[in-house]
Amino acid sequence: MARFLVPRSHPASVSFGIFLARVVTGAALGIHGLPKLQNLTTWGEGMGFPAALLPVGAIAEGVFGWLLAIGFLSPFAALMCAGVMAGAVWFHVGQGHAFAATAPNQAAFELAAVYCSVSLLVLFAGPGSLSVDKFVFKPRDGGGQ
């Protein structure tokens, strides 16, 4: 299991790019999810979400978003964030919302799609060298991956 958590090696420039995308996306999700954490079972009332999924969405954004930002337990954090953002895209598409807003206050799903994409990037490429995972889940034999 710990081997799954050991980040892959990338050139420094790639790790820095992953770092920037991961931190911005994770922090945005974390900040967006904080009010939901304060209202675990009521934040989505009237939106048509199943009540049982409201706490999952709040925790995915408000907790796993921050874990994604710092790069800790990255595969799990990325999977949770990608899942909840894929659900957000699905919700918007089902409501007939546009991909990108063309008017003020128009609902759209481009931001959820970007967050989902960055989360999938981290899931498949790893969090990069600038992550907590890189320091916590080192290979024990000192060898490469």
N, C-alpha and C. Protein backbone atom coordinates (compact mmCIF):
# COMPACT_ATOMS: atom_id res chain seq x y z
N MET A 1 0.82 -1.19 0.00
CA MET A 1 0.00 0.00 0.00
C MET A 1 0.86 1.26 0.00
N ALA A 2 1.90 1.28 0.82
CA ALA A 2 2.75 2.47 0.88
C ALA A 2 3.44 2.73 -0.45
N ARG A 3 3.73 1.66 -1.20
CA ARG A 3 4.36 1.84 -2.52
C ARG A 3 3.46 2.67 -3.43
N PHE A 4 2.17 2.47 -3.32
CA PHE A 4 1.19 3.22 -4.09
C PHE A 4 1.27 4.71 -3.76
N LEU A 5 1.69 5.03 -2.54
CA LEU A 5 1.73 6.41 -2.09
C LEU A 5 3.06 7.11 -2.39
N VAL A 6 4.08 6.35 -2.81
CA VAL A 6 5.38 6.95 -3.12
C VAL A 6 5.26 7.70 -4.44
N PRO A 7 5.50 9.02 -4.43
CA PRO A 7 5.39 9.79 -5.67
C PRO A 7 6.39 9.35 -6.73
N ARG A 8 5.99 9.39 -7.97
CA ARG A 8 6.88 9.10 -9.09
C ARG A 8 7.89 10.23 -9.24
N SER A 9 9.03 9.89 -9.80
CA SER A 9 10.05 10.90 -10.06
C SER A 9 9.74 11.62 -11.37
N HIS A 10 9.89 12.92 -11.36
CA HIS A 10 9.70 13.75 -12.56
C HIS A 10 10.84 14.76 -12.60
N PRO A 11 11.14 15.32 -13.77
CA PRO A 11 12.08 16.43 -13.82
C PRO A 11 11.57 17.59 -12.94
N ALA A 12 12.48 18.41 -12.46
CA ALA A 12 12.12 19.50 -11.54
C ALA A 12 11.05 20.41 -12.13
N SER A 13 11.13 20.73 -13.41
CA SER A 13 10.15 21.63 -14.01
C SER A 13 8.76 21.01 -14.03
N VAL A 14 8.68 19.71 -14.26
CA VAL A 14 7.39 19.02 -14.25
C VAL A 14 6.83 18.99 -12.83
N SER A 15 7.69 18.67 -11.85
CA SER A 15 7.25 18.65 -10.45
C SER A 15 6.75 20.02 -10.02
N PHE A 16 7.41 21.07 -10.48
CA PHE A 16 6.98 22.42 -10.11
C PHE A 16 5.63 22.74 -10.75
N GLY A 17 5.43 22.33 -12.00
CA GLY A 17 4.13 22.54 -12.65
C GLY A 17 3.02 21.80 -11.94
N ILE A 18 3.28 20.54 -11.57
CA ILE A 18 2.29 19.77 -10.82
C ILE A 18 2.02 20.44 -9.48
N PHE A 19 3.08 20.90 -8.83
CA PHE A 19 2.94 21.59 -7.54
C PHE A 19 2.00 22.79 -7.66
N LEU A 20 2.22 23.64 -8.65
CA LEU A 20 1.37 24.83 -8.81
C LEU A 20 -0.08 24.44 -9.06
N ALA A 21 -0.32 23.52 -9.98
CA ALA A 21 -1.68 23.10 -10.28
C ALA A 21 -2.34 22.45 -9.07
N ARG A 22 -1.59 21.62 -8.35
CA ARG A 22 -2.12 20.92 -7.18
C ARG A 22 -2.46 21.87 -6.05
N VAL A 23 -1.58 22.81 -5.76
CA VAL A 23 -1.80 23.75 -4.66
C VAL A 23 -2.98 24.69 -4.96
N VAL A 24 -3.02 25.24 -6.14
CA VAL A 24 -4.11 26.16 -6.49
C VAL A 24 -5.45 25.43 -6.47
N THR A 25 -5.51 24.26 -7.09
CA THR A 25 -6.76 23.50 -7.14
C THR A 25 -7.17 23.03 -5.75
N GLY A 26 -6.23 22.47 -5.01
CA GLY A 26 -6.55 21.97 -3.67
C GLY A 26 -7.00 23.07 -2.73
N ALA A 27 -6.30 24.21 -2.76
CA ALA A 27 -6.68 25.33 -1.90
C ALA A 27 -8.05 25.88 -2.29
N ALA A 28 -8.31 25.99 -3.58
CA ALA A 28 -9.61 26.49 -4.03
C ALA A 28 -10.73 25.54 -3.58
N LEU A 29 -10.50 24.24 -3.74
CA LEU A 29 -11.51 23.28 -3.28
C LEU A 29 -11.66 23.33 -1.77
N GLY A 30 -10.55 23.43 -1.06
CA GLY A 30 -10.60 23.49 0.40
C GLY A 30 -11.38 24.70 0.89
N ILE A 31 -11.11 25.85 0.32
CA ILE A 31 -11.82 27.08 0.71
C ILE A 31 -13.29 26.97 0.34
N HIS A 32 -13.58 26.45 -0.84
CA HIS A 32 -14.95 26.29 -1.31
C HIS A 32 -15.73 25.32 -0.41
N GLY A 33 -15.03 24.33 0.13
CA GLY A 33 -15.69 23.32 0.95
C GLY A 33 -15.86 23.67 2.41
N LEU A 34 -15.16 24.70 2.90
CA LEU A 34 -15.27 25.04 4.33
C LEU A 34 -16.70 25.36 4.78
N PRO A 35 -17.44 26.19 4.06
CA PRO A 35 -18.84 26.43 4.48
C PRO A 35 -19.69 25.16 4.43
N LYS A 36 -19.37 24.27 3.51
CA LYS A 36 -20.12 23.02 3.41
C LYS A 36 -19.85 22.14 4.63
N LEU A 37 -18.61 22.16 5.12
CA LEU A 37 -18.27 21.39 6.32
C LEU A 37 -19.05 21.91 7.53
N GLN A 38 -19.33 23.19 7.55
CA GLN A 38 -20.08 23.78 8.66
C GLN A 38 -21.56 23.45 8.58
N ASN A 39 -22.03 23.01 7.41
CA ASN A 39 -23.43 22.66 7.19
C ASN A 39 -23.50 21.32 6.47
N LEU A 40 -22.91 20.30 7.07
CA LEU A 40 -22.72 19.00 6.42
C LEU A 40 -23.95 18.44 5.71
N THR A 41 -25.09 18.56 6.34
CA THR A 41 -26.28 17.90 5.79
C THR A 41 -27.27 18.86 5.15
N THR A 42 -26.96 20.16 5.14
CA THR A 42 -27.94 21.13 4.61
C THR A 42 -27.40 22.01 3.49
N TRP A 43 -26.10 21.95 3.18
CA TRP A 43 -25.53 22.90 2.23
C TRP A 43 -26.13 22.79 0.83
N GLY A 44 -26.64 21.65 0.45
CA GLY A 44 -27.16 21.48 -0.91
C GLY A 44 -28.66 21.39 -1.00
N GLU A 45 -29.35 21.82 0.05
CA GLU A 45 -30.81 21.74 0.03
C GLU A 45 -31.37 22.55 -1.14
N GLY A 46 -32.34 21.98 -1.79
CA GLY A 46 -32.98 22.66 -2.91
C GLY A 46 -32.25 22.50 -4.22
N MET A 47 -31.10 21.83 -4.22
CA MET A 47 -30.35 21.66 -5.45
C MET A 47 -30.62 20.30 -6.10
N GLY A 48 -31.29 19.43 -5.37
CA GLY A 48 -31.61 18.13 -5.93
C GLY A 48 -30.58 17.04 -5.66
N PHE A 49 -29.58 17.32 -4.83
CA PHE A 49 -28.59 16.30 -4.49
C PHE A 49 -29.19 15.33 -3.49
N PRO A 50 -28.85 14.04 -3.58
CA PRO A 50 -29.30 13.10 -2.54
C PRO A 50 -28.70 13.50 -1.20
N ALA A 51 -29.53 13.52 -0.15
CA ALA A 51 -29.08 13.97 1.17
C ALA A 51 -27.88 13.17 1.67
N ALA A 52 -27.82 11.89 1.34
CA ALA A 52 -26.71 11.05 1.82
C ALA A 52 -25.37 11.47 1.22
N LEU A 53 -25.38 12.14 0.07
CA LEU A 53 -24.13 12.54 -0.58
C LEU A 53 -23.63 13.91 -0.13
N LEU A 54 -24.45 14.67 0.56
CA LEU A 54 -24.02 16.01 0.98
C LEU A 54 -22.78 15.97 1.86
N PRO A 55 -22.72 15.13 2.90
CA PRO A 55 -21.49 15.08 3.70
C PRO A 55 -20.28 14.61 2.89
N VAL A 56 -20.49 13.71 1.94
CA VAL A 56 -19.38 13.23 1.11
C VAL A 56 -18.80 14.39 0.30
N GLY A 57 -19.66 15.18 -0.31
CA GLY A 57 -19.20 16.32 -1.08
C GLY A 57 -18.47 17.34 -0.22
N ALA A 58 -19.02 17.60 0.96
CA ALA A 58 -18.39 18.57 1.88
C ALA A 58 -17.02 18.10 2.31
N ILE A 59 -16.90 16.83 2.66
CA ILE A 59 -15.62 16.29 3.11
C ILE A 59 -14.63 16.21 1.95
N ALA A 60 -15.11 15.81 0.78
CA ALA A 60 -14.22 15.74 -0.38
C ALA A 60 -13.60 17.09 -0.68
N GLU A 61 -14.41 18.13 -0.65
CA GLU A 61 -13.89 19.48 -0.95
C GLU A 61 -13.14 20.06 0.24
N GLY A 62 -13.77 20.05 1.42
CA GLY A 62 -13.23 20.76 2.57
C GLY A 62 -12.07 20.08 3.27
N VAL A 63 -11.94 18.76 3.13
CA VAL A 63 -10.82 18.04 3.76
C VAL A 63 -9.84 17.56 2.70
N PHE A 64 -10.34 16.78 1.75
CA PHE A 64 -9.44 16.22 0.74
C PHE A 64 -8.88 17.30 -0.19
N GLY A 65 -9.58 18.41 -0.33
CA GLY A 65 -9.01 19.53 -1.10
C GLY A 65 -7.73 20.03 -0.48
N TRP A 66 -7.73 20.18 0.85
CA TRP A 66 -6.51 20.63 1.55
C TRP A 66 -5.42 19.57 1.51
N LEU A 67 -5.80 18.28 1.60
CA LEU A 67 -4.80 17.22 1.48
C LEU A 67 -4.18 17.25 0.09
N LEU A 68 -4.98 17.51 -0.93
CA LEU A 68 -4.46 17.65 -2.29
C LEU A 68 -3.48 18.82 -2.35
N ALA A 69 -3.85 19.93 -1.74
CA ALA A 69 -3.00 21.13 -1.78
C ALA A 69 -1.61 20.87 -1.19
N ILE A 70 -1.55 20.17 -0.08
CA ILE A 70 -0.24 19.92 0.56
C ILE A 70 0.44 18.66 0.01
N GLY A 71 -0.30 17.89 -0.77
CA GLY A 71 0.29 16.69 -1.35
C GLY A 71 0.44 15.56 -0.36
N PHE A 72 -0.55 15.37 0.50
CA PHE A 72 -0.52 14.29 1.49
C PHE A 72 -1.65 13.30 1.19
N LEU A 73 -1.29 12.02 1.15
CA LEU A 73 -2.23 10.96 0.75
C LEU A 73 -2.83 11.33 -0.62
N SER A 74 -1.97 11.79 -1.47
CA SER A 74 -2.38 12.38 -2.75
C SER A 74 -3.27 11.51 -3.62
N PRO A 75 -2.98 10.21 -3.78
CA PRO A 75 -3.87 9.42 -4.63
C PRO A 75 -5.31 9.41 -4.11
N PHE A 76 -5.48 9.28 -2.79
CA PHE A 76 -6.82 9.27 -2.21
C PHE A 76 -7.48 10.65 -2.33
N ALA A 77 -6.71 11.69 -2.02
CA ALA A 77 -7.24 13.05 -2.11
C ALA A 77 -7.63 13.37 -3.54
N ALA A 78 -6.78 13.02 -4.49
CA ALA A 78 -7.07 13.31 -5.90
C ALA A 78 -8.29 12.54 -6.37
N LEU A 79 -8.41 11.29 -5.95
CA LEU A 79 -9.57 10.48 -6.34
C LEU A 79 -10.87 11.08 -5.78
N MET A 80 -10.85 11.47 -4.53
CA MET A 80 -12.05 12.08 -3.92
C MET A 80 -12.40 13.40 -4.60
N CYS A 81 -11.40 14.24 -4.84
CA CYS A 81 -11.67 15.52 -5.49
C CYS A 81 -12.15 15.33 -6.92
N ALA A 82 -11.53 14.42 -7.65
CA ALA A 82 -11.97 14.15 -9.03
C ALA A 82 -13.40 13.62 -9.03
N GLY A 83 -13.70 12.75 -8.09
CA GLY A 83 -15.05 12.18 -8.04
C GLY A 83 -16.11 13.21 -7.77
N VAL A 84 -15.87 14.08 -6.79
CA VAL A 84 -16.89 15.07 -6.45
C VAL A 84 -17.00 16.12 -7.57
N MET A 85 -15.90 16.44 -8.22
CA MET A 85 -15.97 17.40 -9.32
C MET A 85 -16.60 16.78 -10.57
N ALA A 86 -16.39 15.49 -10.79
CA ALA A 86 -17.10 14.82 -11.89
C ALA A 86 -18.60 14.85 -11.61
N GLY A 87 -18.97 14.67 -10.34
CA GLY A 87 -20.38 14.78 -9.96
C GLY A 87 -20.92 16.18 -10.19
N ALA A 88 -20.09 17.18 -9.92
CA ALA A 88 -20.52 18.57 -10.16
C ALA A 88 -20.72 18.83 -11.65
N VAL A 89 -19.81 18.32 -12.47
CA VAL A 89 -19.97 18.47 -13.92
C VAL A 89 -21.26 17.79 -14.37
N TRP A 90 -21.47 16.56 -13.90
CA TRP A 90 -22.67 15.81 -14.24
C TRP A 90 -23.94 16.58 -13.84
N PHE A 91 -23.91 17.16 -12.63
CA PHE A 91 -25.04 17.96 -12.15
C PHE A 91 -25.32 19.12 -13.11
N HIS A 92 -24.27 19.89 -13.46
CA HIS A 92 -24.44 21.05 -14.33
C HIS A 92 -24.93 20.65 -15.72
N VAL A 93 -24.36 19.59 -16.27
CA VAL A 93 -24.79 19.13 -17.59
C VAL A 93 -26.26 18.72 -17.53
N GLY A 94 -26.64 18.02 -16.47
CA GLY A 94 -28.03 17.60 -16.30
C GLY A 94 -28.99 18.77 -16.17
N GLN A 95 -28.50 19.89 -15.67
CA GLN A 95 -29.33 21.09 -15.54
C GLN A 95 -29.34 21.92 -16.83
N GLY A 96 -28.56 21.47 -17.83
CA GLY A 96 -28.51 22.19 -19.10
C GLY A 96 -27.62 23.41 -19.08
N HIS A 97 -26.72 23.49 -18.09
CA HIS A 97 -25.82 24.64 -18.00
C HIS A 97 -24.74 24.57 -19.09
N ALA A 98 -24.28 25.73 -19.48
CA ALA A 98 -23.24 25.83 -20.50
C ALA A 98 -21.88 25.43 -19.91
N PHE A 99 -20.94 25.10 -20.80
CA PHE A 99 -19.58 24.81 -20.34
C PHE A 99 -18.95 26.05 -19.72
N ALA A 100 -19.08 27.18 -20.40
CA ALA A 100 -18.53 28.44 -19.91
C ALA A 100 -19.62 29.50 -19.90
N ALA A 101 -19.65 30.29 -18.85
CA ALA A 101 -20.65 31.34 -18.72
C ALA A 101 -20.40 32.43 -19.75
N THR A 102 -21.47 32.95 -20.32
CA THR A 102 -21.37 34.05 -21.27
C THR A 102 -22.06 35.31 -20.75
N ALA A 103 -22.59 35.21 -19.54
CA ALA A 103 -23.25 36.35 -18.92
C ALA A 103 -22.97 36.30 -17.41
N PRO A 104 -23.04 37.45 -16.74
CA PRO A 104 -22.82 37.46 -15.30
C PRO A 104 -23.81 36.55 -14.56
N ASN A 105 -23.31 35.86 -13.54
CA ASN A 105 -24.12 34.98 -12.69
C ASN A 105 -24.78 33.81 -13.43
N GLN A 106 -24.28 33.47 -14.60
CA GLN A 106 -24.79 32.33 -15.34
C GLN A 106 -24.07 31.07 -14.84
N ALA A 107 -24.83 30.03 -14.54
CA ALA A 107 -24.24 28.78 -14.08
C ALA A 107 -23.50 28.11 -15.23
N ALA A 108 -22.33 27.57 -14.94
CA ALA A 108 -21.52 26.87 -15.94
C ALA A 108 -20.66 25.84 -15.22
N PHE A 109 -20.05 24.95 -15.97
CA PHE A 109 -19.29 23.89 -15.32
C PHE A 109 -17.81 23.85 -15.68
N GLU A 110 -17.29 24.90 -16.30
CA GLU A 110 -15.88 24.87 -16.68
C GLU A 110 -14.95 24.76 -15.47
N LEU A 111 -15.26 25.42 -14.38
CA LEU A 111 -14.39 25.37 -13.21
C LEU A 111 -14.38 23.97 -12.59
N ALA A 112 -15.53 23.34 -12.50
CA ALA A 112 -15.58 21.97 -11.99
C ALA A 112 -14.80 21.03 -12.91
N ALA A 113 -14.87 21.27 -14.21
CA ALA A 113 -14.13 20.43 -15.16
C ALA A 113 -12.62 20.63 -15.00
N VAL A 114 -12.19 21.86 -14.77
CA VAL A 114 -10.76 22.12 -14.56
C VAL A 114 -10.30 21.46 -13.26
N TYR A 115 -11.05 21.61 -12.18
CA TYR A 115 -10.69 20.97 -10.91
C TYR A 115 -10.63 19.46 -11.06
N CYS A 116 -11.57 18.89 -11.77
CA CYS A 116 -11.59 17.45 -12.01
C CYS A 116 -10.35 17.04 -12.81
N SER A 117 -10.02 17.80 -13.84
CA SER A 117 -8.86 17.49 -14.68
C SER A 117 -7.55 17.55 -13.90
N VAL A 118 -7.38 18.57 -13.08
CA VAL A 118 -6.15 18.68 -12.28
C VAL A 118 -6.09 17.55 -11.26
N SER A 119 -7.21 17.21 -10.66
CA SER A 119 -7.24 16.09 -9.72
C SER A 119 -6.84 14.79 -10.41
N LEU A 120 -7.32 14.59 -11.62
CA LEU A 120 -6.94 13.39 -12.38
C LEU A 120 -5.46 13.42 -12.76
N LEU A 121 -4.94 14.60 -13.07
CA LEU A 121 -3.50 14.74 -13.33
C LEU A 121 -2.69 14.25 -12.13
N VAL A 122 -3.06 14.71 -10.95
CA VAL A 122 -2.34 14.30 -9.74
C VAL A 122 -2.53 12.81 -9.47
N LEU A 123 -3.72 12.31 -9.72
CA LEU A 123 -3.98 10.88 -9.51
C LEU A 123 -3.07 10.03 -10.41
N PHE A 124 -2.94 10.41 -11.67
CA PHE A 124 -2.18 9.59 -12.62
C PHE A 124 -0.69 9.91 -12.67
N ALA A 125 -0.30 11.16 -12.45
CA ALA A 125 1.11 11.54 -12.52
C ALA A 125 1.77 11.57 -11.16
N GLY A 126 0.97 11.63 -10.10
CA GLY A 126 1.53 11.76 -8.76
C GLY A 126 1.62 13.22 -8.37
N PRO A 127 1.90 13.50 -7.10
CA PRO A 127 1.90 14.87 -6.61
C PRO A 127 3.18 15.65 -6.90
N GLY A 128 4.19 14.99 -7.42
CA GLY A 128 5.46 15.67 -7.67
C GLY A 128 6.36 15.66 -6.45
N SER A 129 7.57 16.15 -6.65
CA SER A 129 8.58 16.14 -5.58
C SER A 129 8.29 17.13 -4.47
N LEU A 130 7.55 18.17 -4.76
CA LEU A 130 7.24 19.19 -3.76
C LEU A 130 5.92 18.84 -3.07
N SER A 131 5.94 17.74 -2.33
CA SER A 131 4.74 17.26 -1.67
C SER A 131 5.11 16.60 -0.34
N VAL A 132 4.16 16.55 0.56
CA VAL A 132 4.38 15.86 1.83
C VAL A 132 4.61 14.37 1.56
N ASP A 133 3.87 13.81 0.60
CA ASP A 133 4.03 12.39 0.26
C ASP A 133 5.48 12.04 -0.07
N LYS A 134 6.18 12.92 -0.75
CA LYS A 134 7.57 12.66 -1.16
C LYS A 134 8.46 12.46 0.06
N PHE A 135 8.15 13.15 1.15
CA PHE A 135 8.98 13.05 2.36
C PHE A 135 8.52 11.94 3.29
N VAL A 136 7.24 11.65 3.29
CA VAL A 136 6.69 10.65 4.21
C VAL A 136 6.82 9.24 3.64
N PHE A 137 6.57 9.07 2.34
CA PHE A 137 6.53 7.75 1.74
C PHE A 137 7.73 7.51 0.83
N LYS A 138 8.92 7.61 1.40
CA LYS A 138 10.16 7.36 0.66
C LYS A 138 10.35 5.86 0.47
N PRO A 139 10.96 5.48 -0.65
CA PRO A 139 11.32 4.06 -0.78
C PRO A 139 12.29 3.68 0.34
N ARG A 140 12.06 2.55 0.98
CA ARG A 140 12.88 2.14 2.12
C ARG A 140 14.29 1.73 1.70
N ASP A 141 14.43 1.17 0.51
CA ASP A 141 15.75 0.70 0.09
C ASP A 141 16.58 1.81 -0.53
N GLY A 142 16.03 2.99 -0.66
CA GLY A 142 16.76 4.13 -1.23
C GLY A 142 16.81 4.08 -2.74
N GLY A 143 16.22 3.07 -3.35
CA GLY A 143 16.24 2.93 -4.80
C GLY A 143 15.18 3.78 -5.46
N GLY A 144 15.23 3.79 -6.78
CA GLY A 144 14.25 4.53 -7.56
C GLY A 144 12.93 3.78 -7.64
N GLN A 145 12.08 4.31 -8.48
CA GLN A 145 10.74 3.71 -8.60
C GLN A 145 10.63 2.90 -9.85
